[in-house]
C-alpha cells in the first residue's frame, strides 16, 4: 500500500483525521491545503478532488472523502483500538460521528457561511441571529452527553474524541464564543485531548498555537 496522504487545513475538520492518524501508529504523510488561502480551489487540488473539499485521504490511487469515512477507515486500519468492535459500542461511536458531521457541523453554518444559505448579503445578520439559538442548543447537547465521561464513549479514547475537539475549538472562536454557554464537561474533555502527545505533535505540524487557535 502507498503511504497514506492526508490533505488538511489547520483548524478544519481535517484536524480530527490528522490526530487520529498520529494516534493510529500508521505510516502517513500530510499535505497542507489551506482553505483560508483558497488552496483547495487550485487546479492541482481539483485534479485530485473535483469536489474541492477538505479533508481527503489518498492512497493506492484512491481518494477518500468525508471526515466520518476517513476516521472510520483509519480506525479499521490501525492495530490500536480506536473504535470498538462490540456491535452496540461501535454503533455508539457512529452515533457520535453522525451527530457531529450532520448536526453539529451544520449548526455553525449560519454563523460561518451565511453566503451558502442566502445570496442577499443584507439578510446575513438576520440569518446569524436565527442560527445562534440552534447552535447554542446543539452545543449544550454535546455538553449533556459528556456528563460523567472521560471520553466520548466512556473510559476509552476513540476517533470520536478528536472530532469533538474540532467543534470545541470552533465554539471558542473570537466571533462565536459570546454566543456559547459555559460547557465545563466539554472543556475538560478538550484539555485531556490537548495533553496527549499525538495532539501536541499535530498542533505543531499544523502551526496551531495559543495565539491563533481562536482566529476566524
N, C-alpha and C. Protein backbone atom coordinates (compact mmCIF):
# COMPACT_ATOMS: atom_id res chain seq x y z
N UNK A 1 0.84 -1.20 0.00
CA UNK A 1 0.00 0.00 0.00
C UNK A 1 0.87 1.25 0.00
N UNK A 2 0.47 2.24 -0.81
CA UNK A 2 1.13 3.54 -0.77
C UNK A 2 0.94 4.14 0.62
N UNK A 3 1.85 5.03 0.95
CA UNK A 3 1.71 5.74 2.22
C UNK A 3 0.44 6.59 2.18
N UNK A 4 -0.30 6.58 3.27
CA UNK A 4 -1.50 7.40 3.37
C UNK A 4 -1.11 8.88 3.33
N UNK A 5 -1.87 9.66 2.57
CA UNK A 5 -1.60 11.09 2.47
C UNK A 5 -2.87 11.86 2.83
N UNK A 6 -2.81 12.58 3.94
CA UNK A 6 -3.96 13.38 4.38
C UNK A 6 -3.77 14.82 3.93
N UNK A 7 -4.74 15.31 3.20
CA UNK A 7 -4.77 16.72 2.82
C UNK A 7 -5.58 17.46 3.89
N UNK A 8 -4.95 18.43 4.54
CA UNK A 8 -5.57 19.10 5.68
C UNK A 8 -5.48 20.61 5.56
N UNK A 9 -6.36 21.27 6.32
CA UNK A 9 -6.30 22.71 6.51
C UNK A 9 -6.35 22.96 8.01
N UNK A 10 -5.45 23.77 8.55
CA UNK A 10 -5.40 23.97 10.00
C UNK A 10 -6.75 24.41 10.59
N UNK A 11 -7.11 23.75 11.68
CA UNK A 11 -8.32 24.02 12.46
C UNK A 11 -9.61 23.63 11.75
N UNK A 12 -9.52 23.02 10.59
CA UNK A 12 -10.70 22.49 9.90
C UNK A 12 -11.01 21.09 10.44
N UNK A 13 -12.05 20.46 9.91
CA UNK A 13 -12.42 19.11 10.35
C UNK A 13 -11.29 18.10 10.13
N UNK A 14 -10.42 18.40 9.18
CA UNK A 14 -9.27 17.53 8.91
C UNK A 14 -8.38 17.37 10.14
N UNK A 15 -8.45 18.30 11.07
CA UNK A 15 -7.65 18.17 12.30
C UNK A 15 -7.96 16.86 13.02
N UNK A 16 -9.24 16.47 13.03
CA UNK A 16 -9.62 15.21 13.69
C UNK A 16 -8.93 14.02 13.02
N UNK A 17 -8.90 14.02 11.68
CA UNK A 17 -8.25 12.93 10.94
C UNK A 17 -6.75 12.94 11.18
N UNK A 18 -6.17 14.12 11.23
CA UNK A 18 -4.72 14.25 11.44
C UNK A 18 -4.33 13.68 12.80
N UNK A 19 -5.09 14.02 13.84
CA UNK A 19 -4.81 13.50 15.17
C UNK A 19 -5.02 11.99 15.21
N UNK A 20 -6.09 11.52 14.58
CA UNK A 20 -6.35 10.07 14.55
C UNK A 20 -5.21 9.32 13.87
N UNK A 21 -4.69 9.87 12.79
CA UNK A 21 -3.56 9.22 12.11
C UNK A 21 -2.34 9.18 13.03
N UNK A 22 -2.09 10.25 13.73
CA UNK A 22 -0.94 10.30 14.64
C UNK A 22 -1.12 9.31 15.78
N UNK A 23 -2.34 9.16 16.26
CA UNK A 23 -2.63 8.18 17.32
C UNK A 23 -2.52 6.75 16.82
N UNK A 24 -2.83 6.54 15.54
CA UNK A 24 -3.02 5.19 14.99
C UNK A 24 -1.74 4.37 14.87
N UNK A 25 -0.60 5.04 14.77
CA UNK A 25 0.65 4.33 14.52
C UNK A 25 0.85 3.97 13.06
N UNK A 26 -0.06 4.38 12.19
CA UNK A 26 0.07 4.11 10.76
C UNK A 26 1.12 5.03 10.13
N UNK A 27 1.73 4.54 9.06
CA UNK A 27 2.70 5.34 8.32
C UNK A 27 1.94 6.28 7.39
N UNK A 28 2.16 7.58 7.54
CA UNK A 28 1.40 8.53 6.72
C UNK A 28 2.21 9.80 6.48
N UNK A 29 1.76 10.57 5.52
CA UNK A 29 2.25 11.93 5.32
C UNK A 29 1.04 12.86 5.31
N UNK A 30 1.28 14.14 5.45
CA UNK A 30 0.18 15.09 5.43
C UNK A 30 0.56 16.28 4.55
N UNK A 31 -0.42 16.79 3.83
CA UNK A 31 -0.20 17.87 2.88
C UNK A 31 -1.10 19.05 3.24
N UNK A 32 -0.50 20.17 3.57
CA UNK A 32 -1.26 21.36 3.92
C UNK A 32 -1.96 21.92 2.69
N UNK A 33 -3.25 22.16 2.83
CA UNK A 33 -4.07 22.75 1.76
C UNK A 33 -4.99 23.76 2.45
N UNK A 34 -4.55 24.99 2.57
CA UNK A 34 -5.21 25.96 3.43
C UNK A 34 -6.47 26.54 2.78
N UNK A 35 -7.59 26.28 3.44
CA UNK A 35 -8.88 26.77 2.95
C UNK A 35 -8.90 28.29 2.94
N UNK A 36 -8.35 28.91 3.98
CA UNK A 36 -8.39 30.37 4.09
C UNK A 36 -7.57 31.06 3.01
N UNK A 37 -6.71 30.31 2.34
CA UNK A 37 -5.93 30.86 1.23
C UNK A 37 -6.41 30.31 -0.11
N UNK A 38 -7.59 29.66 -0.10
CA UNK A 38 -8.22 29.10 -1.30
C UNK A 38 -7.35 28.06 -2.02
N UNK A 39 -6.49 27.39 -1.27
CA UNK A 39 -5.62 26.37 -1.89
C UNK A 39 -6.42 25.14 -2.32
N UNK A 40 -7.63 24.97 -1.76
CA UNK A 40 -8.49 23.86 -2.16
C UNK A 40 -9.20 24.14 -3.48
N UNK A 41 -9.05 25.36 -4.00
CA UNK A 41 -9.69 25.73 -5.26
C UNK A 41 -8.72 25.75 -6.44
N UNK A 42 -7.48 25.34 -6.19
CA UNK A 42 -6.50 25.35 -7.27
C UNK A 42 -6.78 24.22 -8.26
N UNK A 43 -6.26 24.38 -9.46
CA UNK A 43 -6.41 23.35 -10.48
C UNK A 43 -5.76 22.05 -10.03
N UNK A 44 -4.61 22.17 -9.38
CA UNK A 44 -3.88 20.98 -8.93
C UNK A 44 -4.70 20.19 -7.91
N UNK A 45 -5.31 20.90 -6.95
CA UNK A 45 -6.11 20.18 -5.95
C UNK A 45 -7.39 19.63 -6.56
N UNK A 46 -8.00 20.39 -7.45
CA UNK A 46 -9.24 19.93 -8.09
C UNK A 46 -9.00 18.68 -8.92
N UNK A 47 -7.79 18.52 -9.43
CA UNK A 47 -7.47 17.31 -10.19
C UNK A 47 -7.47 16.08 -9.28
N UNK A 48 -7.20 16.28 -8.00
CA UNK A 48 -7.22 15.19 -7.03
C UNK A 48 -8.63 14.98 -6.49
N UNK A 49 -9.28 16.09 -6.17
CA UNK A 49 -10.63 16.03 -5.60
C UNK A 49 -11.51 17.08 -6.27
N UNK A 50 -12.26 16.70 -7.30
CA UNK A 50 -13.12 17.64 -8.00
C UNK A 50 -14.16 18.32 -7.10
N UNK A 51 -14.48 17.69 -5.98
CA UNK A 51 -15.44 18.25 -5.03
C UNK A 51 -14.83 19.45 -4.30
N UNK A 52 -13.49 19.55 -4.29
CA UNK A 52 -12.74 20.67 -3.73
C UNK A 52 -12.99 20.88 -2.24
N UNK A 53 -13.18 19.78 -1.51
CA UNK A 53 -13.40 19.88 -0.08
C UNK A 53 -12.19 19.29 0.66
N UNK A 54 -12.08 19.68 1.92
CA UNK A 54 -11.07 19.17 2.85
C UNK A 54 -11.82 18.50 3.99
N UNK A 55 -11.36 17.34 4.48
CA UNK A 55 -10.14 16.63 4.13
C UNK A 55 -10.36 15.60 3.03
N UNK A 56 -9.23 15.11 2.50
CA UNK A 56 -9.23 13.87 1.74
C UNK A 56 -8.05 13.02 2.21
N UNK A 57 -8.21 11.72 2.05
CA UNK A 57 -7.14 10.78 2.33
C UNK A 57 -6.87 10.02 1.04
N UNK A 58 -5.65 10.12 0.52
CA UNK A 58 -5.33 9.45 -0.73
C UNK A 58 -4.35 8.31 -0.48
N UNK A 59 -4.50 7.23 -1.28
CA UNK A 59 -3.65 6.04 -1.15
C UNK A 59 -3.99 5.10 -2.30
N UNK A 60 -2.98 4.48 -2.88
CA UNK A 60 -3.19 3.47 -3.92
C UNK A 60 -4.13 3.93 -5.04
N UNK A 61 -4.05 5.19 -5.39
CA UNK A 61 -4.92 5.71 -6.43
C UNK A 61 -6.34 5.99 -5.98
N UNK A 62 -6.62 5.76 -4.70
CA UNK A 62 -7.95 6.03 -4.14
C UNK A 62 -7.96 7.41 -3.47
N UNK A 63 -9.11 8.05 -3.51
CA UNK A 63 -9.30 9.30 -2.80
C UNK A 63 -10.55 9.16 -1.94
N UNK A 64 -10.34 9.17 -0.63
CA UNK A 64 -11.44 9.01 0.32
C UNK A 64 -11.82 10.38 0.88
N UNK A 65 -13.10 10.71 0.81
CA UNK A 65 -13.59 11.99 1.32
C UNK A 65 -14.48 11.78 2.54
N UNK A 66 -14.83 12.88 3.18
CA UNK A 66 -15.72 12.94 4.34
C UNK A 66 -15.01 12.49 5.63
N UNK A 67 -15.04 13.37 6.61
CA UNK A 67 -14.33 13.13 7.87
C UNK A 67 -14.76 11.83 8.53
N UNK A 68 -16.05 11.57 8.58
CA UNK A 68 -16.56 10.35 9.22
C UNK A 68 -15.96 9.11 8.55
N UNK A 69 -15.96 9.08 7.22
CA UNK A 69 -15.44 7.92 6.49
C UNK A 69 -13.94 7.77 6.71
N UNK A 70 -13.22 8.88 6.68
CA UNK A 70 -11.76 8.83 6.85
C UNK A 70 -11.41 8.36 8.26
N UNK A 71 -12.09 8.89 9.26
CA UNK A 71 -11.83 8.45 10.63
C UNK A 71 -12.10 6.96 10.79
N UNK A 72 -13.19 6.49 10.23
CA UNK A 72 -13.54 5.06 10.33
C UNK A 72 -12.49 4.19 9.65
N UNK A 73 -12.01 4.65 8.50
CA UNK A 73 -11.00 3.88 7.77
C UNK A 73 -9.69 3.82 8.55
N UNK A 74 -9.28 4.94 9.12
CA UNK A 74 -8.07 4.97 9.93
C UNK A 74 -8.20 3.99 11.09
N UNK A 75 -9.34 4.02 11.77
CA UNK A 75 -9.56 3.14 12.92
C UNK A 75 -9.49 1.67 12.52
N UNK A 76 -10.07 1.34 11.37
CA UNK A 76 -10.07 -0.05 10.93
C UNK A 76 -8.69 -0.53 10.47
N UNK A 77 -7.88 0.39 9.96
CA UNK A 77 -6.52 0.01 9.56
C UNK A 77 -5.57 -0.16 10.75
N UNK A 78 -5.82 0.60 11.78
CA UNK A 78 -4.89 0.65 12.91
C UNK A 78 -5.00 -0.59 13.79
N UNK A 79 -3.86 -0.98 14.35
CA UNK A 79 -3.88 -2.08 15.31
C UNK A 79 -4.25 -1.59 16.71
N UNK A 80 -4.30 -0.28 16.86
CA UNK A 80 -4.72 0.31 18.13
C UNK A 80 -6.24 0.40 18.13
N UNK A 81 -6.83 0.18 19.28
CA UNK A 81 -8.29 0.16 19.38
C UNK A 81 -8.84 1.59 19.37
N UNK A 82 -9.12 2.11 18.18
CA UNK A 82 -9.64 3.47 18.06
C UNK A 82 -11.15 3.49 17.81
N UNK A 83 -11.73 2.31 17.62
CA UNK A 83 -13.19 2.19 17.52
C UNK A 83 -13.57 0.83 18.08
N UNK A 84 -14.63 0.75 18.87
CA UNK A 84 -15.00 -0.53 19.49
C UNK A 84 -15.39 -1.59 18.45
N UNK A 85 -15.19 -2.84 18.80
CA UNK A 85 -15.61 -3.95 17.96
C UNK A 85 -16.97 -4.49 18.38
N UNK A 86 -17.32 -4.30 19.65
CA UNK A 86 -18.65 -4.70 20.12
C UNK A 86 -19.71 -3.95 19.30
N UNK A 87 -20.72 -4.67 18.77
CA UNK A 87 -21.68 -4.03 17.86
C UNK A 87 -22.36 -2.79 18.43
N UNK A 88 -22.82 -2.86 19.68
CA UNK A 88 -23.52 -1.70 20.24
C UNK A 88 -22.55 -0.55 20.48
N UNK A 89 -21.39 -0.85 21.04
CA UNK A 89 -20.40 0.20 21.31
C UNK A 89 -19.94 0.84 20.00
N UNK A 90 -19.78 0.02 18.95
CA UNK A 90 -19.39 0.55 17.64
C UNK A 90 -20.50 1.45 17.07
N UNK A 91 -21.74 1.03 17.27
CA UNK A 91 -22.87 1.86 16.83
C UNK A 91 -22.90 3.18 17.58
N UNK A 92 -22.53 3.16 18.86
CA UNK A 92 -22.47 4.40 19.63
C UNK A 92 -21.41 5.34 19.07
N UNK A 93 -20.29 4.77 18.63
CA UNK A 93 -19.25 5.59 18.01
C UNK A 93 -19.78 6.26 16.75
N UNK A 94 -20.48 5.48 15.93
CA UNK A 94 -21.02 6.06 14.69
C UNK A 94 -22.17 7.02 14.99
N UNK A 95 -22.87 6.79 16.08
CA UNK A 95 -23.90 7.74 16.51
C UNK A 95 -23.27 9.11 16.77
N UNK A 96 -22.14 9.12 17.49
CA UNK A 96 -21.42 10.36 17.74
C UNK A 96 -20.94 10.99 16.42
N UNK A 97 -20.31 10.19 15.58
CA UNK A 97 -19.73 10.72 14.35
C UNK A 97 -20.79 11.29 13.42
N UNK A 98 -21.93 10.62 13.33
CA UNK A 98 -23.03 11.14 12.52
C UNK A 98 -23.59 12.44 13.10
N UNK A 99 -23.74 12.46 14.40
CA UNK A 99 -24.25 13.67 15.07
C UNK A 99 -23.32 14.85 14.82
N UNK A 100 -22.01 14.62 14.92
CA UNK A 100 -21.05 15.70 14.73
C UNK A 100 -21.02 16.18 13.29
N UNK A 101 -21.08 15.26 12.34
CA UNK A 101 -20.96 15.65 10.94
C UNK A 101 -22.25 16.22 10.37
N UNK A 102 -23.39 15.70 10.81
CA UNK A 102 -24.65 16.09 10.17
C UNK A 102 -25.46 17.12 10.94
N UNK A 103 -25.22 17.23 12.24
CA UNK A 103 -25.99 18.17 13.06
C UNK A 103 -25.12 19.31 13.60
N UNK A 104 -24.04 18.95 14.27
CA UNK A 104 -23.18 19.97 14.89
C UNK A 104 -22.52 20.84 13.83
N UNK A 105 -21.91 20.21 12.84
CA UNK A 105 -21.23 20.98 11.79
C UNK A 105 -22.20 21.96 11.13
N UNK A 106 -23.37 21.48 10.79
CA UNK A 106 -24.35 22.30 10.09
C UNK A 106 -24.84 23.46 10.97
N UNK A 107 -24.85 23.27 12.28
CA UNK A 107 -25.33 24.32 13.18
C UNK A 107 -24.44 25.56 13.13
N UNK A 108 -23.18 25.39 12.75
CA UNK A 108 -22.27 26.53 12.64
C UNK A 108 -22.47 27.31 11.34
N UNK A 109 -23.12 26.71 10.36
CA UNK A 109 -23.16 27.30 9.02
C UNK A 109 -23.79 28.68 8.95
N UNK A 110 -24.93 28.94 9.62
CA UNK A 110 -25.49 30.29 9.53
C UNK A 110 -24.55 31.38 10.06
N UNK A 111 -23.64 31.01 10.97
CA UNK A 111 -22.71 31.98 11.52
C UNK A 111 -21.41 32.05 10.72
N UNK A 112 -20.96 30.90 10.21
CA UNK A 112 -19.69 30.84 9.48
C UNK A 112 -19.85 31.16 8.00
N UNK A 113 -20.90 30.59 7.38
CA UNK A 113 -21.06 30.66 5.93
C UNK A 113 -22.49 31.06 5.54
N UNK A 114 -22.96 32.21 5.99
CA UNK A 114 -24.34 32.59 5.61
C UNK A 114 -24.51 32.74 4.11
N UNK A 115 -23.41 33.00 3.41
CA UNK A 115 -23.47 33.16 1.94
C UNK A 115 -23.87 31.87 1.23
N UNK A 116 -23.68 30.72 1.90
CA UNK A 116 -24.08 29.46 1.30
C UNK A 116 -25.58 29.22 1.42
N UNK A 117 -26.22 30.00 2.28
CA UNK A 117 -27.64 29.82 2.53
C UNK A 117 -28.49 30.95 1.93
N UNK A 118 -27.89 32.14 1.84
CA UNK A 118 -28.61 33.29 1.31
C UNK A 118 -27.68 34.13 0.43
N UNK A 119 -28.15 34.49 -0.75
CA UNK A 119 -27.36 35.35 -1.64
C UNK A 119 -27.38 36.80 -1.18
N UNK A 120 -28.47 37.23 -0.59
CA UNK A 120 -28.62 38.64 -0.23
C UNK A 120 -27.85 38.95 1.05
N UNK A 121 -26.75 39.66 0.88
CA UNK A 121 -25.85 39.92 2.00
C UNK A 121 -26.51 40.71 3.12
N UNK A 122 -27.47 41.55 2.78
CA UNK A 122 -28.12 42.36 3.81
C UNK A 122 -28.95 41.51 4.78
N UNK A 123 -29.25 40.26 4.38
CA UNK A 123 -30.01 39.36 5.24
C UNK A 123 -29.12 38.48 6.11
N UNK A 124 -27.83 38.52 5.89
CA UNK A 124 -26.92 37.65 6.64
C UNK A 124 -26.96 37.91 8.15
N UNK A 125 -27.02 39.16 8.62
CA UNK A 125 -27.12 39.37 10.07
C UNK A 125 -28.37 38.73 10.69
N UNK A 126 -29.48 38.77 9.96
CA UNK A 126 -30.70 38.15 10.46
C UNK A 126 -30.56 36.62 10.50
N UNK A 127 -29.91 36.06 9.50
CA UNK A 127 -29.68 34.62 9.47
C UNK A 127 -28.79 34.20 10.64
N UNK A 128 -27.75 34.96 10.88
CA UNK A 128 -26.88 34.67 12.03
C UNK A 128 -27.68 34.72 13.33
N UNK A 129 -28.53 35.73 13.45
CA UNK A 129 -29.34 35.87 14.66
C UNK A 129 -30.24 34.66 14.86
N UNK A 130 -30.83 34.16 13.77
CA UNK A 130 -31.69 32.98 13.84
C UNK A 130 -30.89 31.72 14.16
N UNK A 131 -29.64 31.68 13.69
CA UNK A 131 -28.82 30.48 13.88
C UNK A 131 -28.24 30.34 15.27
N UNK A 132 -28.11 31.44 16.00
CA UNK A 132 -27.45 31.41 17.31
C UNK A 132 -28.17 30.50 18.31
N UNK A 133 -29.50 30.60 18.49
CA UNK A 133 -30.16 29.71 19.46
C UNK A 133 -29.99 28.23 19.13
N UNK A 134 -30.06 27.89 17.84
CA UNK A 134 -29.89 26.48 17.45
C UNK A 134 -28.48 26.00 17.72
N UNK A 135 -27.49 26.85 17.43
CA UNK A 135 -26.09 26.47 17.72
C UNK A 135 -25.91 26.24 19.21
N UNK A 136 -26.40 27.16 20.01
CA UNK A 136 -26.25 27.03 21.46
C UNK A 136 -26.91 25.76 21.97
N UNK A 137 -28.13 25.48 21.49
CA UNK A 137 -28.86 24.27 21.90
C UNK A 137 -28.08 23.01 21.49
N UNK A 138 -27.52 23.02 20.29
CA UNK A 138 -26.79 21.86 19.78
C UNK A 138 -25.52 21.60 20.58
N UNK A 139 -24.79 22.67 20.90
CA UNK A 139 -23.56 22.51 21.67
C UNK A 139 -23.85 22.06 23.10
N UNK A 140 -24.95 22.53 23.66
CA UNK A 140 -25.32 22.09 25.00
C UNK A 140 -25.71 20.61 25.03
N UNK A 141 -26.16 20.08 23.90
CA UNK A 141 -26.44 18.64 23.83
C UNK A 141 -25.13 17.85 23.93
N UNK A 142 -24.07 18.36 23.33
CA UNK A 142 -22.76 17.71 23.49
C UNK A 142 -22.35 17.74 24.95
N UNK A 143 -22.50 18.89 25.58
CA UNK A 143 -22.16 19.03 27.00
C UNK A 143 -22.92 18.01 27.83
N UNK A 144 -24.20 17.83 27.53
CA UNK A 144 -25.02 16.86 28.27
C UNK A 144 -24.50 15.45 28.06
N UNK A 145 -24.18 15.10 26.81
CA UNK A 145 -23.74 13.74 26.50
C UNK A 145 -22.39 13.40 27.13
N UNK A 146 -21.60 14.42 27.43
CA UNK A 146 -20.28 14.18 28.03
C UNK A 146 -20.32 14.14 29.56
N UNK A 147 -21.48 14.32 30.14
CA UNK A 147 -21.61 14.30 31.60
C UNK A 147 -21.12 12.97 32.18
N UNK A 148 -20.19 13.05 33.11
CA UNK A 148 -19.69 11.86 33.79
C UNK A 148 -18.77 10.99 32.96
N UNK A 149 -18.32 11.49 31.79
CA UNK A 149 -17.48 10.68 30.91
C UNK A 149 -16.08 11.30 30.76
N UNK A 150 -15.10 10.42 30.71
CA UNK A 150 -13.74 10.88 30.42
C UNK A 150 -13.60 11.15 28.93
N UNK A 151 -14.10 10.22 28.12
CA UNK A 151 -14.07 10.36 26.67
C UNK A 151 -15.48 10.21 26.11
N UNK A 152 -15.65 10.42 24.84
CA UNK A 152 -16.99 10.38 24.24
C UNK A 152 -17.70 9.07 24.51
N UNK A 153 -16.94 7.95 24.46
CA UNK A 153 -17.54 6.63 24.64
C UNK A 153 -17.38 6.10 26.06
N UNK A 154 -16.91 6.94 26.97
CA UNK A 154 -16.74 6.50 28.35
C UNK A 154 -15.29 6.58 28.79
N UNK A 155 -14.70 5.44 29.11
CA UNK A 155 -13.33 5.42 29.62
C UNK A 155 -12.28 5.22 28.54
N UNK A 156 -12.71 4.94 27.30
CA UNK A 156 -11.77 4.60 26.24
C UNK A 156 -11.74 5.67 25.15
N UNK A 157 -10.54 6.14 24.86
CA UNK A 157 -10.33 7.12 23.79
C UNK A 157 -10.68 6.48 22.45
N UNK A 158 -11.29 7.29 21.55
CA UNK A 158 -11.68 6.76 20.24
C UNK A 158 -11.58 7.87 19.19
N UNK A 159 -11.90 7.52 17.95
CA UNK A 159 -11.88 8.50 16.87
C UNK A 159 -12.94 9.60 17.06
N UNK A 160 -13.89 9.39 17.95
CA UNK A 160 -14.89 10.43 18.22
C UNK A 160 -14.26 11.64 18.91
N UNK A 161 -13.23 11.40 19.71
CA UNK A 161 -12.70 12.45 20.58
C UNK A 161 -11.98 13.57 19.83
N UNK A 162 -11.10 13.29 18.87
CA UNK A 162 -10.52 14.42 18.15
C UNK A 162 -11.54 15.17 17.30
N UNK A 163 -12.60 14.49 16.87
CA UNK A 163 -13.65 15.18 16.12
C UNK A 163 -14.38 16.17 17.04
N UNK A 164 -14.61 15.76 18.29
CA UNK A 164 -15.20 16.66 19.27
C UNK A 164 -14.30 17.87 19.52
N UNK A 165 -13.00 17.65 19.52
CA UNK A 165 -12.06 18.75 19.73
C UNK A 165 -12.24 19.84 18.68
N UNK A 166 -12.40 19.44 17.43
CA UNK A 166 -12.57 20.41 16.34
C UNK A 166 -13.69 21.39 16.65
N UNK A 167 -14.83 20.85 17.05
CA UNK A 167 -16.00 21.70 17.24
C UNK A 167 -15.91 22.53 18.51
N UNK A 168 -15.17 22.03 19.49
CA UNK A 168 -14.95 22.88 20.67
C UNK A 168 -14.06 24.06 20.30
N UNK A 169 -13.04 23.81 19.49
CA UNK A 169 -12.19 24.91 19.01
C UNK A 169 -13.03 25.95 18.28
N UNK A 170 -13.91 25.47 17.41
CA UNK A 170 -14.79 26.40 16.68
C UNK A 170 -15.67 27.19 17.64
N UNK A 171 -16.17 26.54 18.67
CA UNK A 171 -17.08 27.21 19.60
C UNK A 171 -16.39 28.32 20.39
N UNK A 172 -15.06 28.25 20.46
CA UNK A 172 -14.30 29.24 21.22
C UNK A 172 -13.71 30.32 20.33
N UNK A 173 -14.05 30.30 19.05
CA UNK A 173 -13.54 31.33 18.15
C UNK A 173 -13.96 32.73 18.62
N UNK A 174 -13.15 33.72 18.30
CA UNK A 174 -13.41 35.08 18.75
C UNK A 174 -14.79 35.59 18.34
N UNK A 175 -15.28 35.14 17.18
CA UNK A 175 -16.56 35.62 16.68
C UNK A 175 -17.75 34.75 17.09
N UNK A 176 -17.49 33.69 17.87
CA UNK A 176 -18.55 32.75 18.27
C UNK A 176 -18.73 32.69 19.78
N UNK A 177 -17.67 32.81 20.52
CA UNK A 177 -17.69 32.48 21.95
C UNK A 177 -18.73 33.26 22.75
N UNK A 178 -19.04 34.48 22.34
CA UNK A 178 -20.02 35.27 23.09
C UNK A 178 -21.42 34.67 23.04
N UNK A 179 -21.67 33.79 22.06
CA UNK A 179 -23.00 33.20 21.90
C UNK A 179 -23.12 31.82 22.55
N UNK A 180 -22.04 31.32 23.14
CA UNK A 180 -21.98 29.94 23.63
C UNK A 180 -22.07 29.90 25.14
N UNK A 181 -22.84 28.96 25.66
CA UNK A 181 -22.96 28.80 27.11
C UNK A 181 -21.68 28.19 27.69
N UNK A 182 -21.55 28.25 28.99
CA UNK A 182 -20.44 27.60 29.67
C UNK A 182 -20.59 26.09 29.53
N UNK A 183 -19.50 25.40 29.17
CA UNK A 183 -19.56 23.96 28.92
C UNK A 183 -18.38 23.28 29.60
N UNK A 184 -18.42 23.13 30.93
CA UNK A 184 -17.27 22.60 31.68
C UNK A 184 -16.91 21.16 31.33
N UNK A 185 -17.90 20.30 31.05
CA UNK A 185 -17.59 18.91 30.69
C UNK A 185 -16.78 18.86 29.40
N UNK A 186 -17.21 19.63 28.44
CA UNK A 186 -16.54 19.64 27.14
C UNK A 186 -15.16 20.29 27.23
N UNK A 187 -15.03 21.33 28.05
CA UNK A 187 -13.73 21.97 28.22
C UNK A 187 -12.74 21.00 28.86
N UNK A 188 -13.19 20.23 29.85
CA UNK A 188 -12.32 19.25 30.49
C UNK A 188 -11.91 18.16 29.50
N UNK A 189 -12.87 17.75 28.66
CA UNK A 189 -12.59 16.77 27.61
C UNK A 189 -11.52 17.31 26.66
N UNK A 190 -11.66 18.55 26.26
CA UNK A 190 -10.68 19.17 25.36
C UNK A 190 -9.28 19.18 25.98
N UNK A 191 -9.20 19.54 27.24
CA UNK A 191 -7.89 19.61 27.90
C UNK A 191 -7.21 18.25 27.94
N UNK A 192 -8.02 17.19 28.12
CA UNK A 192 -7.45 15.84 28.12
C UNK A 192 -6.89 15.49 26.74
N UNK A 193 -7.60 15.89 25.69
CA UNK A 193 -7.11 15.61 24.34
C UNK A 193 -5.85 16.41 24.04
N UNK A 194 -5.85 17.67 24.41
CA UNK A 194 -4.68 18.51 24.12
C UNK A 194 -3.45 18.08 24.89
N UNK A 195 -3.63 17.34 25.98
CA UNK A 195 -2.50 16.84 26.77
C UNK A 195 -1.85 15.60 26.14
N UNK A 196 -2.51 14.98 25.16
CA UNK A 196 -1.98 13.77 24.54
C UNK A 196 -0.86 14.14 23.56
N UNK A 197 0.15 13.28 23.49
CA UNK A 197 1.30 13.55 22.64
C UNK A 197 0.93 13.66 21.17
N UNK A 198 0.00 12.85 20.72
CA UNK A 198 -0.41 12.89 19.31
C UNK A 198 -0.99 14.25 18.96
N UNK A 199 -1.81 14.80 19.85
CA UNK A 199 -2.41 16.11 19.61
C UNK A 199 -1.34 17.19 19.58
N UNK A 200 -0.40 17.13 20.51
CA UNK A 200 0.68 18.12 20.54
C UNK A 200 1.49 18.09 19.24
N UNK A 201 1.77 16.89 18.74
CA UNK A 201 2.55 16.76 17.50
C UNK A 201 1.79 17.35 16.32
N UNK A 202 0.49 17.08 16.26
CA UNK A 202 -0.31 17.58 15.14
C UNK A 202 -0.46 19.10 15.21
N UNK A 203 -0.67 19.63 16.39
CA UNK A 203 -0.73 21.09 16.54
C UNK A 203 0.56 21.73 16.01
N UNK A 204 1.68 21.12 16.32
CA UNK A 204 2.97 21.64 15.85
C UNK A 204 3.06 21.56 14.33
N UNK A 205 2.64 20.42 13.75
CA UNK A 205 2.68 20.25 12.30
C UNK A 205 1.78 21.25 11.59
N UNK A 206 0.62 21.55 12.18
CA UNK A 206 -0.35 22.43 11.54
C UNK A 206 -0.14 23.90 11.90
N UNK A 207 0.81 24.17 12.82
CA UNK A 207 1.06 25.54 13.21
C UNK A 207 -0.02 26.13 14.09
N UNK A 208 -0.71 25.27 14.84
CA UNK A 208 -1.77 25.71 15.75
C UNK A 208 -1.15 26.03 17.10
N UNK A 209 -1.44 27.21 17.62
CA UNK A 209 -0.89 27.61 18.92
C UNK A 209 -1.91 28.46 19.66
N UNK A 210 -1.55 28.86 20.87
CA UNK A 210 -2.47 29.61 21.72
C UNK A 210 -2.85 30.95 21.10
N UNK A 211 -1.98 31.48 20.27
CA UNK A 211 -2.22 32.80 19.67
C UNK A 211 -3.22 32.76 18.51
N UNK A 212 -3.23 31.64 17.77
CA UNK A 212 -4.09 31.61 16.58
C UNK A 212 -5.26 30.64 16.66
N UNK A 213 -5.37 29.90 17.75
CA UNK A 213 -6.37 28.84 17.80
C UNK A 213 -7.80 29.39 17.79
N UNK A 214 -7.99 30.64 18.21
CA UNK A 214 -9.33 31.22 18.22
C UNK A 214 -9.56 32.15 17.02
N UNK A 215 -8.64 32.17 16.07
CA UNK A 215 -8.82 33.00 14.88
C UNK A 215 -9.99 32.52 14.05
N UNK A 216 -10.53 33.40 13.22
CA UNK A 216 -11.58 33.02 12.29
C UNK A 216 -11.04 32.06 11.25
